[in-house]
Amino acid sequence: MKITIIGTGNMGSAFVKQLTLAGHQVKVTARDSAKATQVAAAHPGASAVATAGSAADADAVVLATGYADAVQALQTVGDLKGKIIIDITNPITADYMGLTIGHTTSSAEQIAQAVPGAEVVKAFNTLFAQVLGDGADFGNGRKASVFVASDSVRAKQVATTLAQSMGFEVVDAGALNNARYLEPLAGLNIYLGYGAGLGTGIAPTWIRKA
């Protein structure tokens, strides 16, 4: 698939790595064009592109910015009508120990309202960049899970295909408003990683009896 990644931070860079390894055509863009060029150069098959119009031929756009920058970033990449946006953001407080919004809405829902016509899917937000960058395999047959929530069947299918192409298990988390649960789950993961000292090589998953 043709994927445009917005953002060159730890998560954006990890996406560039894993999606190129999985054989996708990856374009990366960011406010800092030099950083985009640097990230793309480190991963053969990826290319850095100007922000304006970068979503034009994309099968999906990965929104790998902070939540505070998300809407503005999306508004710079071109017409998003009918485009699939994979939202990985979490509305985290400055100290990383809380959420700025929740319970009655979510960052995913706020983003969807800001870009009407796009098909927003919440996914990958419960993964640390280390886990995404290192890959899904935790050894002994264990794989990290990607939770996928959207009101669009097509967006879910694309996010699922991408996650599985990178080796992740996928859990269908229902409609987009269930991002209200996924974002606090990410908050708990962040607390366990940093606040409880478990480190960033952890990930939530779901198990079931055979």
N, C-alpha and C. Protein backbone atom coordinates (compact mmCIF):
# COMPACT_ATOMS: atom_id res chain seq x y z
N MET A 1 0.83 -1.20 0.00
CA MET A 1 0.00 0.00 0.00
C MET A 1 0.87 1.25 0.00
N LYS A 2 0.27 2.34 -0.42
CA LYS A 2 0.94 3.64 -0.39
C LYS A 2 0.54 4.35 0.90
N ILE A 3 1.54 4.63 1.73
CA ILE A 3 1.29 5.19 3.05
C ILE A 3 2.03 6.51 3.22
N THR A 4 1.32 7.53 3.67
CA THR A 4 1.95 8.80 4.04
C THR A 4 1.99 8.88 5.56
N ILE A 5 3.16 9.12 6.10
CA ILE A 5 3.33 9.24 7.55
C ILE A 5 3.61 10.70 7.88
N ILE A 6 2.79 11.26 8.76
CA ILE A 6 2.99 12.63 9.22
C ILE A 6 3.68 12.57 10.57
N GLY A 7 4.92 13.03 10.62
CA GLY A 7 5.64 13.04 11.88
C GLY A 7 6.90 12.20 11.82
N THR A 8 7.96 12.71 12.44
CA THR A 8 9.25 12.03 12.42
C THR A 8 9.80 11.82 13.83
N GLY A 9 8.91 11.81 14.82
CA GLY A 9 9.34 11.49 16.17
C GLY A 9 9.59 10.00 16.31
N ASN A 10 9.63 9.52 17.54
CA ASN A 10 9.93 8.11 17.77
C ASN A 10 8.91 7.18 17.11
N MET A 11 7.63 7.53 17.23
CA MET A 11 6.60 6.69 16.62
C MET A 11 6.62 6.78 15.10
N GLY A 12 6.72 8.00 14.58
CA GLY A 12 6.77 8.17 13.14
C GLY A 12 7.94 7.42 12.52
N SER A 13 9.10 7.53 13.15
CA SER A 13 10.30 6.84 12.65
C SER A 13 10.12 5.34 12.70
N ALA A 14 9.49 4.84 13.78
CA ALA A 14 9.25 3.40 13.89
C ALA A 14 8.30 2.92 12.81
N PHE A 15 7.29 3.72 12.49
CA PHE A 15 6.39 3.36 11.40
C PHE A 15 7.13 3.30 10.07
N VAL A 16 7.96 4.27 9.81
CA VAL A 16 8.73 4.27 8.56
C VAL A 16 9.55 2.98 8.46
N LYS A 17 10.21 2.61 9.56
CA LYS A 17 11.02 1.39 9.58
C LYS A 17 10.18 0.16 9.28
N GLN A 18 9.10 -0.03 10.04
CA GLN A 18 8.35 -1.27 9.94
C GLN A 18 7.53 -1.37 8.65
N LEU A 19 7.00 -0.25 8.19
CA LEU A 19 6.20 -0.29 6.97
C LEU A 19 7.06 -0.52 5.73
N THR A 20 8.25 0.05 5.71
CA THR A 20 9.14 -0.21 4.58
C THR A 20 9.61 -1.67 4.60
N LEU A 21 9.92 -2.19 5.79
CA LEU A 21 10.33 -3.59 5.90
C LEU A 21 9.21 -4.52 5.43
N ALA A 22 7.96 -4.09 5.65
CA ALA A 22 6.81 -4.90 5.23
C ALA A 22 6.50 -4.74 3.74
N GLY A 23 7.25 -3.88 3.05
CA GLY A 23 7.10 -3.76 1.61
C GLY A 23 6.15 -2.69 1.12
N HIS A 24 5.71 -1.82 2.02
CA HIS A 24 4.81 -0.75 1.61
C HIS A 24 5.60 0.43 1.02
N GLN A 25 4.91 1.23 0.21
CA GLN A 25 5.50 2.45 -0.34
C GLN A 25 5.25 3.58 0.65
N VAL A 26 6.30 4.07 1.24
CA VAL A 26 6.18 4.99 2.37
C VAL A 26 6.70 6.37 2.01
N LYS A 27 5.85 7.36 2.28
CA LYS A 27 6.27 8.76 2.20
C LYS A 27 6.20 9.34 3.61
N VAL A 28 7.20 10.14 3.96
CA VAL A 28 7.22 10.75 5.28
C VAL A 28 7.32 12.26 5.13
N THR A 29 6.53 12.96 5.95
CA THR A 29 6.55 14.41 5.90
C THR A 29 6.46 14.95 7.31
N ALA A 30 6.99 16.16 7.50
CA ALA A 30 6.98 16.77 8.82
C ALA A 30 7.27 18.26 8.68
N ARG A 31 7.02 18.99 9.76
CA ARG A 31 7.35 20.42 9.74
C ARG A 31 8.84 20.63 9.49
N ASP A 32 9.66 19.76 10.04
CA ASP A 32 11.11 19.82 9.85
C ASP A 32 11.48 18.94 8.67
N SER A 33 11.60 19.56 7.49
CA SER A 33 11.85 18.78 6.28
C SER A 33 13.20 18.07 6.33
N ALA A 34 14.17 18.67 7.02
CA ALA A 34 15.49 18.04 7.13
C ALA A 34 15.38 16.74 7.92
N LYS A 35 14.57 16.74 8.96
CA LYS A 35 14.39 15.52 9.75
C LYS A 35 13.67 14.46 8.93
N ALA A 36 12.69 14.88 8.14
CA ALA A 36 11.99 13.93 7.28
C ALA A 36 12.96 13.28 6.30
N THR A 37 13.84 14.08 5.74
CA THR A 37 14.84 13.56 4.81
C THR A 37 15.77 12.58 5.51
N GLN A 38 16.16 12.91 6.73
CA GLN A 38 17.05 12.05 7.50
C GLN A 38 16.40 10.71 7.82
N VAL A 39 15.14 10.75 8.24
CA VAL A 39 14.43 9.51 8.58
C VAL A 39 14.24 8.65 7.34
N ALA A 40 13.84 9.26 6.24
CA ALA A 40 13.62 8.51 5.00
C ALA A 40 14.92 7.87 4.52
N ALA A 41 16.02 8.61 4.62
CA ALA A 41 17.30 8.10 4.14
C ALA A 41 17.76 6.88 4.93
N ALA A 42 17.33 6.77 6.17
CA ALA A 42 17.74 5.64 7.02
C ALA A 42 16.99 4.36 6.69
N HIS A 43 15.95 4.48 5.85
CA HIS A 43 15.12 3.31 5.56
C HIS A 43 14.87 3.21 4.06
N PRO A 44 15.69 2.43 3.36
CA PRO A 44 15.54 2.30 1.91
C PRO A 44 14.12 1.93 1.52
N GLY A 45 13.61 2.66 0.54
CA GLY A 45 12.24 2.46 0.10
C GLY A 45 11.32 3.57 0.55
N ALA A 46 11.75 4.33 1.56
CA ALA A 46 10.97 5.47 2.02
C ALA A 46 11.46 6.73 1.33
N SER A 47 10.56 7.72 1.21
CA SER A 47 10.96 8.99 0.60
C SER A 47 10.37 10.13 1.42
N ALA A 48 11.14 11.19 1.54
CA ALA A 48 10.67 12.40 2.21
C ALA A 48 9.98 13.28 1.17
N VAL A 49 8.84 13.85 1.55
CA VAL A 49 8.09 14.68 0.61
C VAL A 49 7.66 15.97 1.29
N ALA A 50 7.37 16.97 0.47
CA ALA A 50 6.82 18.21 0.99
C ALA A 50 5.46 17.94 1.61
N THR A 51 5.11 18.71 2.61
CA THR A 51 3.86 18.47 3.33
C THR A 51 2.64 18.71 2.44
N ALA A 52 2.61 19.81 1.72
CA ALA A 52 1.46 20.16 0.90
C ALA A 52 1.20 19.08 -0.15
N GLY A 53 0.00 18.53 -0.15
CA GLY A 53 -0.38 17.54 -1.13
C GLY A 53 0.16 16.15 -0.89
N SER A 54 0.79 15.91 0.25
CA SER A 54 1.44 14.62 0.48
C SER A 54 0.47 13.46 0.67
N ALA A 55 -0.80 13.77 0.91
CA ALA A 55 -1.79 12.71 1.08
C ALA A 55 -2.49 12.34 -0.23
N ALA A 56 -2.15 13.01 -1.31
CA ALA A 56 -2.92 12.91 -2.55
C ALA A 56 -3.11 11.48 -3.04
N ASP A 57 -2.06 10.69 -3.11
CA ASP A 57 -2.19 9.34 -3.67
C ASP A 57 -2.07 8.26 -2.60
N ALA A 58 -2.21 8.64 -1.34
CA ALA A 58 -2.02 7.68 -0.26
C ALA A 58 -3.25 6.79 -0.07
N ASP A 59 -3.00 5.51 0.20
CA ASP A 59 -4.08 4.61 0.60
C ASP A 59 -4.46 4.84 2.05
N ALA A 60 -3.52 5.34 2.83
CA ALA A 60 -3.78 5.68 4.23
C ALA A 60 -2.76 6.71 4.69
N VAL A 61 -3.18 7.52 5.64
CA VAL A 61 -2.32 8.53 6.25
C VAL A 61 -2.16 8.16 7.72
N VAL A 62 -0.92 7.98 8.16
CA VAL A 62 -0.64 7.69 9.56
C VAL A 62 -0.34 9.01 10.27
N LEU A 63 -1.17 9.34 11.24
CA LEU A 63 -1.03 10.59 11.99
C LEU A 63 -0.15 10.32 13.20
N ALA A 64 1.14 10.59 13.06
CA ALA A 64 2.12 10.28 14.11
C ALA A 64 2.66 11.55 14.73
N THR A 65 1.76 12.46 15.08
CA THR A 65 2.14 13.69 15.78
C THR A 65 1.56 13.63 17.19
N GLY A 66 1.87 14.63 17.99
CA GLY A 66 1.17 14.77 19.26
C GLY A 66 -0.26 15.20 19.00
N TYR A 67 -1.13 14.91 19.96
CA TYR A 67 -2.53 15.27 19.78
C TYR A 67 -2.71 16.77 19.57
N ALA A 68 -1.97 17.59 20.30
CA ALA A 68 -2.12 19.04 20.20
C ALA A 68 -1.83 19.55 18.80
N ASP A 69 -1.01 18.84 18.05
CA ASP A 69 -0.62 19.27 16.70
C ASP A 69 -1.39 18.54 15.60
N ALA A 70 -2.26 17.62 15.98
CA ALA A 70 -2.84 16.69 15.02
C ALA A 70 -3.68 17.36 13.94
N VAL A 71 -4.64 18.17 14.35
CA VAL A 71 -5.55 18.76 13.38
C VAL A 71 -4.81 19.69 12.42
N GLN A 72 -3.94 20.51 12.95
CA GLN A 72 -3.18 21.42 12.10
C GLN A 72 -2.32 20.63 11.11
N ALA A 73 -1.73 19.55 11.58
CA ALA A 73 -0.90 18.73 10.69
C ALA A 73 -1.73 18.13 9.56
N LEU A 74 -2.91 17.66 9.87
CA LEU A 74 -3.77 17.08 8.84
C LEU A 74 -4.22 18.12 7.82
N GLN A 75 -4.44 19.32 8.28
CA GLN A 75 -4.91 20.38 7.38
C GLN A 75 -3.86 20.82 6.38
N THR A 76 -2.63 20.39 6.56
CA THR A 76 -1.55 20.81 5.66
C THR A 76 -1.24 19.81 4.55
N VAL A 77 -1.84 18.61 4.61
CA VAL A 77 -1.41 17.56 3.68
C VAL A 77 -2.32 17.40 2.46
N GLY A 78 -3.34 18.25 2.36
CA GLY A 78 -4.19 18.22 1.18
C GLY A 78 -5.60 17.75 1.49
N ASP A 79 -6.36 17.51 0.44
CA ASP A 79 -7.75 17.10 0.56
C ASP A 79 -7.84 15.71 1.17
N LEU A 80 -8.55 15.59 2.28
CA LEU A 80 -8.64 14.31 2.98
C LEU A 80 -10.00 13.63 2.80
N LYS A 81 -10.84 14.17 1.94
CA LYS A 81 -12.14 13.56 1.71
C LYS A 81 -11.97 12.15 1.18
N GLY A 82 -12.55 11.18 1.87
CA GLY A 82 -12.44 9.79 1.46
C GLY A 82 -11.14 9.12 1.86
N LYS A 83 -10.25 9.86 2.50
CA LYS A 83 -8.96 9.31 2.90
C LYS A 83 -9.08 8.59 4.24
N ILE A 84 -8.29 7.54 4.39
CA ILE A 84 -8.21 6.82 5.65
C ILE A 84 -7.10 7.42 6.50
N ILE A 85 -7.47 7.83 7.71
CA ILE A 85 -6.50 8.41 8.64
C ILE A 85 -6.35 7.46 9.82
N ILE A 86 -5.14 6.98 10.02
CA ILE A 86 -4.86 6.13 11.17
C ILE A 86 -4.34 7.02 12.29
N ASP A 87 -5.19 7.19 13.29
CA ASP A 87 -4.89 8.09 14.41
C ASP A 87 -4.23 7.31 15.53
N ILE A 88 -2.98 7.64 15.85
CA ILE A 88 -2.26 6.95 16.92
C ILE A 88 -2.11 7.85 18.14
N THR A 89 -2.73 9.03 18.13
CA THR A 89 -2.49 10.02 19.17
C THR A 89 -3.15 9.65 20.49
N ASN A 90 -2.61 10.20 21.56
CA ASN A 90 -3.20 10.12 22.89
C ASN A 90 -3.17 11.52 23.52
N PRO A 91 -4.28 11.96 24.13
CA PRO A 91 -4.32 13.30 24.71
C PRO A 91 -3.67 13.34 26.09
N ILE A 92 -2.36 13.19 26.11
CA ILE A 92 -1.61 13.03 27.35
C ILE A 92 -1.26 14.39 27.96
N THR A 93 -1.32 14.47 29.28
CA THR A 93 -0.92 15.69 29.98
C THR A 93 0.59 15.87 29.90
N ALA A 94 1.05 17.05 30.27
CA ALA A 94 2.47 17.38 30.15
C ALA A 94 3.36 16.44 30.95
N ASP A 95 2.85 15.92 32.07
CA ASP A 95 3.66 15.02 32.89
C ASP A 95 3.48 13.55 32.51
N TYR A 96 2.71 13.30 31.45
CA TYR A 96 2.47 11.95 30.92
C TYR A 96 1.67 11.05 31.86
N MET A 97 1.14 11.59 32.91
CA MET A 97 0.45 10.78 33.91
C MET A 97 -1.07 10.95 33.89
N GLY A 98 -1.61 11.60 32.87
CA GLY A 98 -3.05 11.77 32.80
C GLY A 98 -3.49 12.11 31.38
N LEU A 99 -4.80 12.23 31.19
CA LEU A 99 -5.37 12.59 29.90
C LEU A 99 -6.02 13.97 29.99
N THR A 100 -5.93 14.71 28.91
CA THR A 100 -6.53 16.05 28.89
C THR A 100 -8.00 16.02 28.53
N ILE A 101 -8.44 14.97 27.85
CA ILE A 101 -9.85 14.78 27.54
C ILE A 101 -10.20 13.32 27.72
N GLY A 102 -11.47 13.01 27.87
CA GLY A 102 -11.87 11.62 27.99
C GLY A 102 -13.29 11.48 28.51
N HIS A 103 -13.71 10.25 28.68
CA HIS A 103 -15.01 9.85 29.21
C HIS A 103 -16.16 10.13 28.22
N THR A 104 -16.30 11.37 27.77
CA THR A 104 -17.41 11.71 26.87
C THR A 104 -16.94 11.98 25.44
N THR A 105 -15.65 11.95 25.22
CA THR A 105 -15.09 12.10 23.88
C THR A 105 -13.68 11.52 23.89
N SER A 106 -12.99 11.65 22.78
CA SER A 106 -11.64 11.12 22.66
C SER A 106 -10.89 11.95 21.63
N SER A 107 -9.58 11.82 21.60
CA SER A 107 -8.83 12.55 20.58
C SER A 107 -9.24 12.08 19.19
N ALA A 108 -9.52 10.79 19.04
CA ALA A 108 -9.92 10.28 17.73
C ALA A 108 -11.22 10.91 17.25
N GLU A 109 -12.19 11.05 18.14
CA GLU A 109 -13.46 11.66 17.77
C GLU A 109 -13.30 13.14 17.46
N GLN A 110 -12.45 13.81 18.22
CA GLN A 110 -12.21 15.23 17.96
C GLN A 110 -11.53 15.42 16.60
N ILE A 111 -10.61 14.56 16.29
CA ILE A 111 -9.93 14.64 15.00
C ILE A 111 -10.91 14.36 13.86
N ALA A 112 -11.77 13.36 14.04
CA ALA A 112 -12.76 13.03 13.02
C ALA A 112 -13.70 14.20 12.76
N GLN A 113 -14.09 14.90 13.81
CA GLN A 113 -14.96 16.07 13.64
C GLN A 113 -14.25 17.19 12.89
N ALA A 114 -12.94 17.29 13.08
CA ALA A 114 -12.18 18.37 12.45
C ALA A 114 -11.87 18.12 10.98
N VAL A 115 -11.96 16.86 10.55
CA VAL A 115 -11.68 16.54 9.14
C VAL A 115 -12.86 15.74 8.58
N PRO A 116 -14.03 16.37 8.45
CA PRO A 116 -15.21 15.67 7.94
C PRO A 116 -14.95 15.14 6.53
N GLY A 117 -15.45 13.96 6.29
CA GLY A 117 -15.23 13.34 4.98
C GLY A 117 -14.10 12.32 5.01
N ALA A 118 -13.21 12.44 5.97
CA ALA A 118 -12.15 11.45 6.13
C ALA A 118 -12.68 10.26 6.92
N GLU A 119 -12.03 9.13 6.80
CA GLU A 119 -12.40 7.92 7.54
C GLU A 119 -11.32 7.66 8.58
N VAL A 120 -11.63 7.99 9.83
CA VAL A 120 -10.65 7.92 10.90
C VAL A 120 -10.73 6.58 11.61
N VAL A 121 -9.57 5.99 11.84
CA VAL A 121 -9.50 4.74 12.60
C VAL A 121 -8.46 4.90 13.70
N LYS A 122 -8.85 4.55 14.91
CA LYS A 122 -7.92 4.57 16.04
C LYS A 122 -7.15 3.26 16.04
N ALA A 123 -5.82 3.35 16.07
CA ALA A 123 -5.01 2.14 16.08
C ALA A 123 -3.59 2.48 16.52
N PHE A 124 -2.89 1.50 17.04
CA PHE A 124 -1.47 1.61 17.41
C PHE A 124 -1.21 2.53 18.60
N ASN A 125 -2.23 3.17 19.17
CA ASN A 125 -1.97 4.15 20.22
C ASN A 125 -1.56 3.52 21.54
N THR A 126 -1.75 2.21 21.69
CA THR A 126 -1.37 1.54 22.94
C THR A 126 0.04 0.96 22.89
N LEU A 127 0.78 1.23 21.82
CA LEU A 127 2.14 0.72 21.67
C LEU A 127 3.17 1.80 21.96
N PHE A 128 4.21 1.44 22.69
CA PHE A 128 5.37 2.31 22.82
C PHE A 128 6.16 2.26 21.51
N ALA A 129 6.89 3.33 21.24
CA ALA A 129 7.71 3.38 20.03
C ALA A 129 8.74 2.26 20.02
N GLN A 130 9.26 1.90 21.17
CA GLN A 130 10.23 0.81 21.23
C GLN A 130 9.64 -0.49 20.73
N VAL A 131 8.40 -0.78 21.15
CA VAL A 131 7.74 -2.01 20.71
C VAL A 131 7.47 -1.96 19.21
N LEU A 132 6.97 -0.83 18.73
CA LEU A 132 6.70 -0.71 17.30
C LEU A 132 7.99 -0.85 16.50
N GLY A 133 9.04 -0.20 16.96
CA GLY A 133 10.30 -0.23 16.23
C GLY A 133 10.98 -1.59 16.26
N ASP A 134 10.89 -2.29 17.41
CA ASP A 134 11.54 -3.60 17.55
C ASP A 134 10.73 -4.70 16.89
N GLY A 135 9.44 -4.49 16.74
CA GLY A 135 8.58 -5.49 16.12
C GLY A 135 7.66 -6.17 17.11
N ALA A 136 6.69 -6.89 16.58
CA ALA A 136 5.59 -7.42 17.39
C ALA A 136 5.97 -8.64 18.22
N ASP A 137 7.03 -9.34 17.84
CA ASP A 137 7.37 -10.62 18.46
C ASP A 137 7.97 -10.43 19.85
N PHE A 138 7.27 -10.96 20.86
CA PHE A 138 7.77 -10.91 22.24
C PHE A 138 8.39 -12.25 22.66
N GLY A 139 8.53 -13.17 21.72
CA GLY A 139 9.11 -14.47 22.03
C GLY A 139 8.10 -15.46 22.57
N ASN A 140 8.43 -16.73 22.46
CA ASN A 140 7.58 -17.81 22.97
C ASN A 140 6.16 -17.76 22.39
N GLY A 141 6.07 -17.34 21.13
CA GLY A 141 4.78 -17.30 20.46
C GLY A 141 3.90 -16.11 20.82
N ARG A 142 4.45 -15.19 21.61
CA ARG A 142 3.67 -14.03 22.04
C ARG A 142 3.87 -12.87 21.08
N LYS A 143 2.78 -12.21 20.73
CA LYS A 143 2.85 -11.04 19.87
C LYS A 143 2.07 -9.89 20.49
N ALA A 144 2.55 -8.67 20.27
CA ALA A 144 1.83 -7.49 20.74
C ALA A 144 0.56 -7.31 19.92
N SER A 145 -0.43 -6.69 20.55
CA SER A 145 -1.71 -6.47 19.89
C SER A 145 -1.89 -5.02 19.46
N VAL A 146 -2.57 -4.84 18.35
CA VAL A 146 -3.02 -3.53 17.89
C VAL A 146 -4.53 -3.52 17.99
N PHE A 147 -5.08 -2.57 18.74
CA PHE A 147 -6.52 -2.43 18.89
C PHE A 147 -7.02 -1.44 17.85
N VAL A 148 -8.08 -1.81 17.15
CA VAL A 148 -8.56 -1.03 16.01
C VAL A 148 -10.02 -0.64 16.24
N ALA A 149 -10.29 0.66 16.22
CA ALA A 149 -11.65 1.16 16.43
C ALA A 149 -12.00 2.19 15.36
N SER A 150 -13.14 2.01 14.72
CA SER A 150 -13.56 2.95 13.68
C SER A 150 -15.02 2.73 13.35
N ASP A 151 -15.64 3.77 12.81
CA ASP A 151 -16.99 3.64 12.27
C ASP A 151 -16.97 3.22 10.80
N SER A 152 -15.77 3.13 10.23
CA SER A 152 -15.60 2.78 8.82
C SER A 152 -15.04 1.37 8.69
N VAL A 153 -15.79 0.50 8.04
CA VAL A 153 -15.32 -0.87 7.81
C VAL A 153 -14.04 -0.85 6.97
N ARG A 154 -14.02 0.00 5.97
CA ARG A 154 -12.84 0.07 5.09
C ARG A 154 -11.60 0.52 5.86
N ALA A 155 -11.75 1.52 6.73
CA ALA A 155 -10.61 2.00 7.50
C ALA A 155 -10.10 0.92 8.44
N LYS A 156 -11.02 0.18 9.05
CA LYS A 156 -10.60 -0.94 9.91
C LYS A 156 -9.82 -1.97 9.12
N GLN A 157 -10.31 -2.28 7.93
CA GLN A 157 -9.65 -3.30 7.11
C GLN A 157 -8.24 -2.87 6.74
N VAL A 158 -8.06 -1.60 6.38
CA VAL A 158 -6.74 -1.11 6.00
C VAL A 158 -5.80 -1.12 7.20
N ALA A 159 -6.27 -0.63 8.35
CA ALA A 159 -5.44 -0.62 9.55
C ALA A 159 -5.07 -2.04 9.97
N THR A 160 -6.03 -2.95 9.84
CA THR A 160 -5.77 -4.35 10.18
C THR A 160 -4.73 -4.96 9.25
N THR A 161 -4.86 -4.69 7.96
CA THR A 161 -3.90 -5.22 6.98
C THR A 161 -2.50 -4.70 7.26
N LEU A 162 -2.40 -3.41 7.56
CA LEU A 162 -1.08 -2.84 7.86
C LEU A 162 -0.48 -3.46 9.12
N ALA A 163 -1.29 -3.56 10.17
CA ALA A 163 -0.79 -4.13 11.42
C ALA A 163 -0.33 -5.57 11.22
N GLN A 164 -1.13 -6.34 10.52
CA GLN A 164 -0.78 -7.75 10.30
C GLN A 164 0.45 -7.88 9.40
N SER A 165 0.60 -6.97 8.46
CA SER A 165 1.78 -7.02 7.59
C SER A 165 3.06 -6.76 8.37
N MET A 166 2.94 -6.08 9.51
CA MET A 166 4.08 -5.83 10.39
C MET A 166 4.21 -6.88 11.48
N GLY A 167 3.33 -7.87 11.46
CA GLY A 167 3.44 -8.98 12.39
C GLY A 167 2.61 -8.89 13.65
N PHE A 168 1.79 -7.86 13.79
CA PHE A 168 1.02 -7.67 15.01
C PHE A 168 -0.29 -8.46 14.98
N GLU A 169 -0.73 -8.87 16.17
CA GLU A 169 -2.08 -9.36 16.33
C GLU A 169 -3.03 -8.17 16.27
N VAL A 170 -4.26 -8.40 15.86
CA VAL A 170 -5.23 -7.30 15.78
C VAL A 170 -6.47 -7.67 16.59
N VAL A 171 -6.94 -6.70 17.37
CA VAL A 171 -8.18 -6.85 18.13
C VAL A 171 -9.17 -5.80 17.63
N ASP A 172 -10.31 -6.25 17.14
CA ASP A 172 -11.36 -5.32 16.70
C ASP A 172 -12.00 -4.71 17.94
N ALA A 173 -11.81 -3.41 18.12
CA ALA A 173 -12.29 -2.72 19.32
C ALA A 173 -13.59 -1.96 19.08
N GLY A 174 -14.26 -2.25 17.97
CA GLY A 174 -15.57 -1.67 17.76
C GLY A 174 -15.56 -0.30 17.10
N ALA A 175 -16.54 0.51 17.49
CA ALA A 175 -16.74 1.82 16.86
C ALA A 175 -15.71 2.83 17.33
N LEU A 176 -15.66 3.96 16.63
CA LEU A 176 -14.66 4.98 16.93
C LEU A 176 -14.80 5.51 18.35
N ASN A 177 -16.03 5.56 18.86
CA ASN A 177 -16.18 6.11 20.21
C ASN A 177 -15.55 5.21 21.28
N ASN A 178 -15.16 4.01 20.91
CA ASN A 178 -14.43 3.16 21.85
C ASN A 178 -12.98 3.59 22.02
N ALA A 179 -12.58 4.59 21.24
CA ALA A 179 -11.28 5.23 21.51
C ALA A 179 -11.28 5.84 22.91
N ARG A 180 -12.47 6.09 23.45
CA ARG A 180 -12.57 6.59 24.82
C ARG A 180 -12.03 5.58 25.82
N TYR A 181 -11.98 4.31 25.44
CA TYR A 181 -11.40 3.28 26.27
C TYR A 181 -9.93 3.04 25.90
N LEU A 182 -9.63 3.11 24.61
CA LEU A 182 -8.27 2.82 24.15
C LEU A 182 -7.27 3.88 24.60
N GLU A 183 -7.69 5.12 24.64
CA GLU A 183 -6.77 6.18 25.07
C GLU A 183 -6.42 6.07 26.56
N PRO A 184 -7.39 5.81 27.46
CA PRO A 184 -7.01 5.54 28.84
C PRO A 184 -6.16 4.27 28.99
N LEU A 185 -6.40 3.26 28.14
CA LEU A 185 -5.56 2.07 28.18
C LEU A 185 -4.12 2.43 27.85
N ALA A 186 -3.94 3.31 26.88
CA ALA A 186 -2.60 3.78 26.56
C ALA A 186 -2.02 4.55 27.74
N GLY A 187 -2.87 5.34 28.42
CA GLY A 187 -2.41 6.06 29.59
C GLY A 187 -1.92 5.12 30.68
N LEU A 188 -2.63 4.02 30.89
CA LEU A 188 -2.20 3.02 31.87
C LEU A 188 -0.88 2.41 31.45
N ASN A 189 -0.74 2.11 30.17
CA ASN A 189 0.51 1.55 29.66
C ASN A 189 1.68 2.50 29.91
N ILE A 190 1.43 3.80 29.68
CA ILE A 190 2.48 4.80 29.92
C ILE A 190 2.83 4.87 31.40
N TYR A 191 1.82 4.80 32.25
CA TYR A 191 2.10 4.81 33.69
C TYR A 191 2.95 3.59 34.07
N LEU A 192 2.55 2.41 33.58
CA LEU A 192 3.29 1.21 33.93
C LEU A 192 4.73 1.28 33.41
N GLY A 193 4.88 1.85 32.22
CA GLY A 193 6.22 1.94 31.64
C GLY A 193 7.13 2.90 32.37
N TYR A 194 6.58 4.08 32.68
CA TYR A 194 7.41 5.13 33.29
C TYR A 194 7.17 5.25 34.79
N GLY A 195 5.89 5.41 35.18
CA GLY A 195 5.60 5.62 36.59
C GLY A 195 5.92 4.42 37.46
N ALA A 196 5.62 3.21 36.96
CA ALA A 196 5.88 2.00 37.73
C ALA A 196 7.21 1.35 37.38
N GLY A 197 7.92 1.95 36.43
CA GLY A 197 9.28 1.50 36.13
C GLY A 197 9.40 0.20 35.35
N LEU A 198 8.34 -0.19 34.64
CA LEU A 198 8.42 -1.44 33.88
C LEU A 198 9.16 -1.28 32.56
N GLY A 199 9.41 -0.05 32.14
CA GLY A 199 10.11 0.19 30.89
C GLY A 199 9.19 0.21 29.68
N THR A 200 9.76 0.50 28.54
CA THR A 200 8.95 0.69 27.34
C THR A 200 8.91 -0.53 26.43
N GLY A 201 9.37 -1.66 26.93
CA GLY A 201 9.26 -2.90 26.17
C GLY A 201 8.04 -3.70 26.58
N ILE A 202 6.94 -3.00 26.87
CA ILE A 202 5.70 -3.64 27.31
C ILE A 202 4.56 -3.25 26.38
N ALA A 203 3.50 -4.05 26.40
CA ALA A 203 2.33 -3.72 25.58
C ALA A 203 1.12 -4.45 26.12
N PRO A 204 -0.05 -3.80 26.14
CA PRO A 204 -1.27 -4.50 26.55
C PRO A 204 -1.75 -5.44 25.45
N THR A 205 -2.35 -6.53 25.87
CA THR A 205 -2.92 -7.47 24.91
C THR A 205 -4.13 -8.12 25.54
N TRP A 206 -4.85 -8.93 24.77
CA TRP A 206 -6.03 -9.63 25.30
C TRP A 206 -5.81 -11.12 25.04
N ILE A 207 -6.15 -11.94 26.01
CA ILE A 207 -6.05 -13.38 25.83
C ILE A 207 -7.43 -14.00 26.02
N ARG A 208 -7.61 -15.15 25.41
CA ARG A 208 -8.87 -15.87 25.58
C ARG A 208 -8.60 -17.35 25.59
N LYS A 209 -9.45 -18.09 26.26
CA LYS A 209 -9.31 -19.52 26.31
C LYS A 209 -9.72 -20.14 24.97
N ALA A 210 -9.06 -21.22 24.66
CA ALA A 210 -9.35 -21.89 23.39
C ALA A 210 -10.77 -22.49 23.43
